[in-house]
Every structure is written in C-alpha cells, then in structure tokens.
C-alpha cells in the first residue's frame, strides 16, 4: 500500500498515550460523582470521561499528524480533507464504565484511502493491549494472536450486543439471538464491541455478530480479527455496520442460521 507512515512507530506512540488515558479512566471508574448525559436515547449515555479521553486522542493526532482527518464518536468528523482518517472511540462500553464494570476499551483505527491499516484496542483494567498493522499480523501485549480453530457452531462460545435503541428499532438483534442461542455452547454480551472483536482475534470467543454498529465501534477490531487469520463478513445492507466475525467456517455457520431473518 502506498503510504509513508511507519505504522509500528505510530503504535509505539499510541501505547504511551493509551496507558495515560487508561490510568485516567481507571481513576474515575464507577465514581459516584460521574456526570452522565443522554445522547440518542435514555440508555445511550456519555460521561465527561469519554469527552476528556477523546480530547486527549484528538490532541495527539493534531500534534503528530495535523493534516489527517478525524472521525470521533463524541465530536464527529473533522473538516480536514486527507487520504488518512483516524477513527476513534475514546471509551467503548460507557454503560459498563458508569456502573463500575471493568470491561471497557479505547479503540483507535487509522484508515488510508478507505482501508484500515492500523487498529488498536486497549482494555485498561485488564491491562490488555491489542494492535494490528495490515499485512503484519495481530498482537496482544506484543505476542502474536490467532482466531480460534473450532469448526462446529454447537461447540462454540459467541459474543454479541444490542443497539441503544433496542426498544424502538425493528432490527434489534433479539430474533438473531433467539435463533443462535440453542445452536451454540453459550453466548456472552460484554457491552464493548471493540473488546468483543479483540476477544475473537485472540481466540477467546469463537465468533461474534452484531448489528447497527458505528465505524468507531468496529474499525480497529475488524482489522484485529482479519490480521489474526479470521473473517469479517457484512450481513446487512444498512448505513450502519452489521458484521459476523470468527474463523471462516464459524462465520459461515452463523450466517446460515441468520440469513433467513434479514
């Protein structure tokens, strides 16, 4: 790919940044004083920690890569026109975070001409740093990772999630969940799409599906799965991101179960 950035050098810089952000997030985890604001629905919330974490990430991009464009969950897309686009979720799993649950993550991706070339997901409390560079593999705490090798859906543990507008949206994943639950060993709902995808990349989950994600939820995690030898298959023609992830066999089996529900 025709770009001139040292992507592993970028990752080294990001490691320092997300360690700082993760420390800040842990210091305020589940705080009784945590101010909440409602976004699209009553269960779609944001905290000042989300906003301050995002500000740190945006400041990093502006300092080191000032010509690059940015798409961030809380502040939207910058006005910059560039072949490079940073896709940022400063705190994926805000509901968990506000409740004091330790499963949440920072998700950062860098795209070049529409293709993701770098992805990083950091789970601060768990001290897990996942990263991938296109064509160079995926890593957890600097060790190579690979998707699980199971080939039978009934033996598999899957992950999924539900949209913020689950009560109103007709495509809310409940029918998919009902179809797949008896076909698997178990299904888990962690509440952070980025961390779910990272868990697929390292083989903890055998597969994952979710509907109506935003780019910042999934961009980094998708690259992690692909670079860990997995498959990520879109399965709805929506403006949002609806995907199945896992090894090629499990992805196919999940799709075969839910394709009639589309």
Protein backbone atom coordinates (compact mmCIF):
# COMPACT_ATOMS: atom_id res chain seq x y z
CA UNK A 1 0.00 0.00 0.00
CA UNK A 2 1.34 3.41 -0.98
CA UNK A 3 1.71 5.25 2.29
CA UNK A 4 4.79 6.58 4.01
CA UNK A 5 3.97 6.28 7.71
CA UNK A 6 5.91 3.92 9.98
CA UNK A 7 2.85 2.21 11.47
CA UNK A 8 4.73 0.34 14.18
CA UNK A 9 6.24 3.67 15.16
CA UNK A 10 2.71 5.05 15.42
CA UNK A 11 1.76 2.13 17.64
CA UNK A 12 4.70 2.83 19.94
CA UNK A 13 3.43 6.39 20.38
CA UNK A 14 -0.12 5.18 20.90
CA UNK A 15 0.96 2.73 23.58
CA UNK A 16 2.18 5.61 25.72
CA UNK A 17 -0.95 7.64 25.04
CA UNK A 18 -3.48 4.92 25.83
CA UNK A 19 -1.60 3.98 29.00
CA UNK A 20 -2.10 7.57 30.17
CA UNK A 21 -5.76 7.58 29.13
CA UNK A 22 -6.36 4.18 30.71
CA UNK A 23 -4.90 5.36 34.01
CA UNK A 24 -7.19 8.41 33.91
CA UNK A 25 -10.21 6.20 33.17
CA UNK A 26 -9.42 3.76 35.96
CA UNK A 27 -9.08 6.58 38.48
CA UNK A 28 -12.68 7.57 37.75
CA UNK A 29 -14.22 4.13 37.17
CA UNK A 30 -17.74 3.89 38.61
CA UNK A 31 -17.34 7.15 40.52
CA UNK A 32 -20.49 8.27 42.33
CA UNK A 33 -19.67 11.76 41.08
CA UNK A 34 -19.52 10.68 37.44
CA UNK A 35 -21.67 13.08 35.43
CA UNK A 36 -23.85 11.37 32.83
CA UNK A 37 -25.53 12.89 29.78
CA UNK A 38 -28.07 11.29 27.46
CA UNK A 39 -27.38 11.15 23.71
CA UNK A 40 -29.76 9.45 21.26
CA UNK A 41 -31.88 7.56 23.80
CA UNK A 42 -32.22 7.26 27.57
CA UNK A 43 -29.80 4.30 27.56
CA UNK A 44 -27.28 5.92 25.18
CA UNK A 45 -25.10 7.79 27.65
CA UNK A 46 -21.84 9.70 27.70
CA UNK A 47 -19.65 10.84 30.59
CA UNK A 48 -17.15 13.62 30.96
CA UNK A 49 -14.50 10.87 30.98
CA UNK A 50 -15.50 9.90 27.43
CA UNK A 51 -15.15 13.51 26.33
CA UNK A 52 -11.85 14.17 28.11
CA UNK A 53 -10.39 10.90 26.80
CA UNK A 54 -11.43 11.82 23.27
CA UNK A 55 -9.86 15.26 23.65
CA UNK A 56 -6.53 13.62 24.53
CA UNK A 57 -6.72 11.41 21.44
CA UNK A 58 -7.62 14.28 19.13
CA UNK A 59 -4.80 16.37 20.59
CA UNK A 60 -2.39 13.52 19.81
CA UNK A 61 -3.47 13.38 16.16
CA UNK A 62 -3.29 17.15 15.78
CA UNK A 63 0.20 17.23 17.29
CA UNK A 64 1.78 14.40 15.28
CA UNK A 65 -0.43 14.20 12.17
CA UNK A 66 -2.04 17.64 11.80
CA UNK A 67 -3.07 17.14 8.15
CA UNK A 68 -5.04 13.97 8.89
CA UNK A 69 -8.83 13.79 9.15
CA UNK A 70 -10.55 12.51 12.30
CA UNK A 71 -13.84 10.70 12.90
CA UNK A 72 -14.54 10.50 16.62
CA UNK A 73 -17.61 9.23 18.46
CA UNK A 74 -18.35 12.30 20.55
CA UNK A 75 -17.18 15.14 18.29
CA UNK A 76 -17.90 13.73 14.83
CA UNK A 77 -15.79 14.24 11.72
CA UNK A 78 -13.21 16.98 11.38
CA UNK A 79 -13.20 19.36 8.44
CA UNK A 80 -9.77 18.20 7.24
CA UNK A 81 -9.53 16.56 3.81
CA UNK A 82 -6.92 13.82 3.77
CA UNK A 83 -6.17 10.31 2.49
CA UNK A 84 -5.74 9.41 6.16
CA UNK A 85 -8.64 9.12 8.60
CA UNK A 86 -8.35 8.40 12.31
CA UNK A 87 -11.43 6.57 13.65
CA UNK A 88 -11.69 6.96 17.41
CA UNK A 89 -13.86 5.61 20.20
CA UNK A 90 -12.41 7.01 23.43
CA UNK A 91 -14.42 4.74 25.75
CA UNK A 92 -16.27 1.82 24.20
CA UNK A 93 -18.52 0.41 26.91
CA UNK A 94 -19.68 3.57 28.65
CA UNK A 95 -22.61 1.84 30.38
CA UNK A 96 -20.19 -0.69 31.88
CA UNK A 97 -17.86 2.12 32.86
CA UNK A 98 -20.54 4.16 34.59
CA UNK A 99 -21.60 1.06 36.55
CA UNK A 100 -18.04 0.32 37.65
CA UNK A 101 -17.78 -2.80 35.49
CA UNK A 102 -14.19 -3.35 34.30
CA UNK A 103 -14.92 -4.30 30.68
CA UNK A 104 -14.49 -1.23 28.51
CA UNK A 105 -11.89 -0.18 25.97
CA UNK A 106 -10.21 2.53 23.97
CA UNK A 107 -10.46 1.88 20.22
CA UNK A 108 -8.28 3.61 17.63
CA UNK A 109 -8.03 2.88 13.91
CA UNK A 110 -6.20 4.59 11.07
CA UNK A 111 -7.55 4.27 7.53
CA UNK A 112 -5.76 5.18 4.31
CA UNK A 113 -7.93 5.85 1.26
CA UNK A 114 -10.81 3.99 2.87
CA UNK A 115 -8.90 0.92 4.02
CA UNK A 116 -7.98 0.39 7.67
CA UNK A 117 -4.22 -0.02 8.01
CA UNK A 118 -3.79 0.16 11.79
CA UNK A 119 -6.01 -0.88 14.67
CA UNK A 120 -5.51 -0.70 18.43
CA UNK A 121 -7.84 -1.72 21.26
CA UNK A 122 -6.82 -1.18 24.88
CA UNK A 123 -8.69 -2.57 27.89
CA UNK A 124 -7.20 -0.61 30.80
CA UNK A 125 -8.40 -2.59 33.82
CA UNK A 126 -7.46 -5.89 32.19
CA UNK A 127 -4.09 -4.47 31.05
CA UNK A 128 -4.65 -5.86 27.56
CA UNK A 129 -3.27 -4.00 24.56
CA UNK A 130 -4.31 -5.39 21.18
CA UNK A 131 -2.92 -4.00 17.95
CA UNK A 132 -2.62 -4.89 14.28
CA UNK A 133 -0.99 -3.49 11.16
CA UNK A 134 -2.40 -4.56 7.81
CA UNK A 135 -0.33 -7.40 6.41
CA UNK A 136 1.76 -7.72 9.59
CA UNK A 137 -0.42 -9.77 11.95
CA UNK A 138 -2.24 -9.07 15.20
CA UNK A 139 -0.82 -8.94 18.72
CA UNK A 140 -1.89 -8.95 22.37
CA UNK A 141 0.68 -7.35 24.66
CA UNK A 142 3.25 -7.80 21.88
CA UNK A 143 2.56 -11.53 21.40
CA UNK A 144 1.04 -12.82 18.14
CA UNK A 145 -2.60 -13.91 18.34
CA UNK A 146 -4.86 -16.04 16.17
CA UNK A 147 -8.58 -16.70 15.94
CA UNK A 148 -9.97 -19.93 17.40
CA UNK A 149 -9.94 -23.10 15.33
CA UNK A 150 -13.33 -24.62 16.23
CA UNK A 151 -15.45 -25.73 13.29
CA UNK A 152 -18.71 -26.72 14.99
CA UNK A 153 -21.14 -23.98 16.00
CA UNK A 154 -22.60 -26.15 18.76
CA UNK A 155 -19.18 -26.26 20.44
CA UNK A 156 -18.66 -22.52 20.10
CA UNK A 157 -18.98 -19.60 22.50
CA UNK A 158 -20.15 -16.47 20.71
CA UNK A 159 -20.45 -12.82 21.62
CA UNK A 160 -22.97 -10.23 20.56
CA UNK A 161 -24.54 -6.94 21.60
CA UNK A 162 -27.76 -5.00 21.30
CA UNK A 163 -28.32 -1.47 19.94
CA UNK A 164 -29.07 1.54 22.12
CA UNK A 165 -32.50 1.84 20.50
CA UNK A 166 -33.36 -1.81 21.15
CA UNK A 167 -36.83 -0.87 22.42
CA UNK A 168 -37.78 1.05 19.27
CA UNK A 169 -35.72 -0.30 16.37
CA UNK A 170 -37.31 -3.19 14.45
CA UNK A 171 -33.84 -4.63 13.73
CA UNK A 172 -32.72 -5.04 17.33
CA UNK A 173 -30.91 -8.42 17.29
CA UNK A 174 -33.42 -10.20 19.52
CA UNK A 175 -34.56 -12.57 16.76
CA UNK A 176 -30.94 -13.33 15.78
CA UNK A 177 -30.08 -14.02 19.41
CA UNK A 178 -33.09 -16.32 19.81
CA UNK A 179 -32.13 -18.25 16.69
CA UNK A 180 -28.49 -18.73 17.66
CA UNK A 181 -28.71 -19.35 21.40
CA UNK A 182 -29.79 -23.02 21.19
CA UNK A 183 -27.31 -23.64 18.37
CA UNK A 184 -24.22 -22.75 20.44
CA UNK A 185 -22.46 -23.68 23.66
CA UNK A 186 -23.04 -20.18 25.03
CA UNK A 187 -23.46 -16.55 24.06
CA UNK A 188 -21.94 -13.68 26.03
CA UNK A 189 -22.77 -9.97 25.99
CA UNK A 190 -19.79 -7.94 27.26
CA UNK A 191 -21.01 -4.48 26.27
CA UNK A 192 -17.98 -3.32 24.27
CA UNK A 193 -17.93 -4.20 20.57
CA UNK A 194 -14.26 -3.32 20.25
CA UNK A 195 -13.34 -5.67 23.09
CA UNK A 196 -15.63 -8.40 21.69
CA UNK A 197 -13.77 -8.27 18.37
CA UNK A 198 -10.41 -8.27 20.15
CA UNK A 199 -11.55 -11.36 22.06
CA UNK A 200 -12.40 -13.06 18.76
CA UNK A 201 -8.97 -12.13 17.42
CA UNK A 202 -7.20 -13.82 20.33
CA UNK A 203 -9.44 -16.91 20.26
CA UNK A 204 -11.39 -16.39 23.48
CA UNK A 205 -14.63 -16.09 21.54
CA UNK A 206 -15.17 -18.45 18.63
CA UNK A 207 -17.43 -15.99 16.85
CA UNK A 208 -19.26 -12.69 17.09
CA UNK A 209 -22.10 -10.93 15.37
CA UNK A 210 -23.73 -7.56 15.88
CA UNK A 211 -25.98 -5.14 14.04
CA UNK A 212 -26.11 -1.37 13.70
CA UNK A 213 -22.59 -0.59 14.84
CA UNK A 214 -20.85 2.69 14.06
CA UNK A 215 -17.42 2.83 12.38
CA UNK A 216 -15.67 3.80 15.60
CA UNK A 217 -17.10 0.71 17.35
CA UNK A 218 -15.67 -1.74 14.86
CA UNK A 219 -12.88 -0.39 12.65
CA UNK A 220 -9.95 -1.36 14.87
CA UNK A 221 -11.49 -4.67 15.94
CA UNK A 222 -12.23 -5.73 12.37
CA UNK A 223 -8.58 -5.33 11.42
CA UNK A 224 -7.54 -7.28 14.53
CA UNK A 225 -9.71 -10.23 13.50
CA UNK A 226 -8.57 -10.16 9.88
CA UNK A 227 -4.89 -9.96 10.82
CA UNK A 228 -5.39 -12.79 13.33
CA UNK A 229 -6.42 -15.04 10.44
CA UNK A 230 -10.15 -14.55 10.76
CA UNK A 231 -13.02 -13.47 8.55
CA UNK A 232 -15.32 -10.48 8.98
CA UNK A 233 -18.47 -10.68 6.86
CA UNK A 234 -21.04 -7.88 6.49
CA UNK A 235 -24.55 -9.30 6.51
CA UNK A 236 -26.99 -6.41 6.14
CA UNK A 237 -27.20 -3.59 3.60
CA UNK A 238 -27.59 -0.76 6.10
CA UNK A 239 -25.88 2.55 6.62
CA UNK A 240 -24.62 1.12 9.90
CA UNK A 241 -22.09 -1.70 10.32
CA UNK A 242 -23.56 -5.22 10.74
CA UNK A 243 -20.95 -7.96 10.82
CA UNK A 244 -20.13 -11.57 11.66
CA UNK A 245 -16.57 -12.36 12.81
CA UNK A 246 -14.61 -15.52 13.53
CA UNK A 247 -12.82 -18.15 11.52
CA UNK A 248 -14.22 -18.71 8.05
CA UNK A 249 -16.13 -21.88 8.99
CA UNK A 250 -17.87 -20.45 12.06
CA UNK A 251 -18.73 -17.24 10.22
CA UNK A 252 -20.38 -19.33 7.52
CA UNK A 253 -22.36 -21.33 10.06
CA UNK A 254 -23.56 -18.21 11.87
CA UNK A 255 -24.61 -16.66 8.58
CA UNK A 256 -26.51 -19.79 7.55
CA UNK A 257 -28.53 -19.60 10.76
CA UNK A 258 -29.50 -15.93 10.49
CA UNK A 259 -29.70 -15.26 6.76
CA UNK A 260 -33.40 -16.09 6.61
CA UNK A 261 -34.12 -13.41 9.25
CA UNK A 262 -32.88 -10.50 7.14
